[in-house]
């Protein structure tokens, strides 16, 4: 689980760069089960959902 979080954080970092490295992004994506056909905005949203799952308050 911790390894997955590290990969997700690295992906967020790559996606936030002005000039993204597409091969690096694809390489990191290959280590996840995230859809590979999302645009960078959607991909970032999915990553953030996994890093910070929504928790309902009781």
C-alpha atoms as a PDB file:
ATOM      1  CA  UNK A   1       0.000   0.000   0.000  1.00  0.00           C
ATOM      2  CA  UNK A   2       2.804   2.400   0.892  1.00  0.00           C
ATOM      3  CA  UNK A   3       4.532   1.716  -2.436  1.00  0.00           C
ATOM      4  CA  UNK A   4       1.340   2.554  -4.287  1.00  0.00           C
ATOM      5  CA  UNK A   5       1.081   5.870  -2.452  1.00  0.00           C
ATOM      6  CA  UNK A   6       4.645   6.729  -3.422  1.00  0.00           C
ATOM      7  CA  UNK A   7       3.871   5.991  -7.072  1.00  0.00           C
ATOM      8  CA  UNK A   8       0.687   8.065  -6.913  1.00  0.00           C
ATOM      9  CA  UNK A   9       2.565  11.012  -5.407  1.00  0.00           C
ATOM     10  CA  UNK A  10       5.219  10.713  -8.123  1.00  0.00           C
ATOM     11  CA  UNK A  11       2.476  10.677 -10.746  1.00  0.00           C
ATOM     12  CA  UNK A  12       0.908  13.815  -9.291  1.00  0.00           C
ATOM     13  CA  UNK A  13       4.282  15.483  -9.368  1.00  0.00           C
ATOM     14  CA  UNK A  14       4.868  14.556 -13.010  1.00  0.00           C
ATOM     15  CA  UNK A  15       1.387  15.710 -13.997  1.00  0.00           C
ATOM     16  CA  UNK A  16       1.926  19.058 -12.288  1.00  0.00           C
ATOM     17  CA  UNK A  17       5.020  19.896 -14.326  1.00  0.00           C
ATOM     18  CA  UNK A  18       4.792  22.505 -17.049  1.00  0.00           C
ATOM     19  CA  UNK A  19       6.464  20.151 -19.527  1.00  0.00           C
ATOM     20  CA  UNK A  20       5.288  16.680 -18.618  1.00  0.00           C
ATOM     21  CA  UNK A  21       7.406  13.657 -19.383  1.00  0.00           C
ATOM     22  CA  UNK A  22       4.872  11.376 -21.067  1.00  0.00           C
ATOM     23  CA  UNK A  23       7.112   8.301 -20.982  1.00  0.00           C
ATOM     24  CA  UNK A  24       7.697   8.744 -17.236  1.00  0.00           C
ATOM     25  CA  UNK A  25       3.944   9.129 -16.677  1.00  0.00           C
ATOM     26  CA  UNK A  26       3.197   5.979 -18.682  1.00  0.00           C
ATOM     27  CA  UNK A  27       5.900   4.077 -16.821  1.00  0.00           C
ATOM     28  CA  UNK A  28       4.433   5.099 -13.447  1.00  0.00           C
ATOM     29  CA  UNK A  29       0.905   4.318 -14.652  1.00  0.00           C
ATOM     30  CA  UNK A  30       1.983   0.803 -15.552  1.00  0.00           C
ATOM     31  CA  UNK A  31       2.499   0.165 -11.817  1.00  0.00           C
ATOM     32  CA  UNK A  32      -1.079   1.126 -10.980  1.00  0.00           C
ATOM     33  CA  UNK A  33      -4.552   0.002 -11.967  1.00  0.00           C
ATOM     34  CA  UNK A  34      -5.548   3.528 -13.002  1.00  0.00           C
ATOM     35  CA  UNK A  35      -7.109   3.915 -16.454  1.00  0.00           C
ATOM     36  CA  UNK A  36      -4.484   4.878 -19.001  1.00  0.00           C
ATOM     37  CA  UNK A  37      -6.867   6.807 -21.249  1.00  0.00           C
ATOM     38  CA  UNK A  38      -7.697   9.685 -18.885  1.00  0.00           C
ATOM     39  CA  UNK A  39      -6.606  13.226 -19.570  1.00  0.00           C
ATOM     40  CA  UNK A  40      -4.158  14.755 -17.039  1.00  0.00           C
ATOM     41  CA  UNK A  41      -6.914  16.563 -15.134  1.00  0.00           C
ATOM     42  CA  UNK A  42      -9.043  13.422 -14.729  1.00  0.00           C
ATOM     43  CA  UNK A  43      -5.991  11.383 -13.856  1.00  0.00           C
ATOM     44  CA  UNK A  44      -5.002  13.844 -11.133  1.00  0.00           C
ATOM     45  CA  UNK A  45      -8.536  13.674  -9.721  1.00  0.00           C
ATOM     46  CA  UNK A  46      -8.407   9.883  -9.580  1.00  0.00           C
ATOM     47  CA  UNK A  47      -5.008   9.939  -7.898  1.00  0.00           C
ATOM     48  CA  UNK A  48      -6.170  12.424  -5.278  1.00  0.00           C
ATOM     49  CA  UNK A  49      -9.261  10.314  -4.571  1.00  0.00           C
ATOM     50  CA  UNK A  50      -7.007   7.374  -3.821  1.00  0.00           C
ATOM     51  CA  UNK A  51      -4.554   9.334  -1.738  1.00  0.00           C
ATOM     52  CA  UNK A  52      -7.259  11.107   0.263  1.00  0.00           C
ATOM     53  CA  UNK A  53     -10.401   8.972   0.317  1.00  0.00           C
ATOM     54  CA  UNK A  54     -13.557  10.819   1.228  1.00  0.00           C
ATOM     55  CA  UNK A  55     -14.636   9.985   4.743  1.00  0.00           C
ATOM     56  CA  UNK A  56     -18.162  10.764   5.847  1.00  0.00           C
ATOM     57  CA  UNK A  57     -18.420  12.431   9.203  1.00  0.00           C
ATOM     58  CA  UNK A  58     -20.615  10.631  11.696  1.00  0.00           C
END
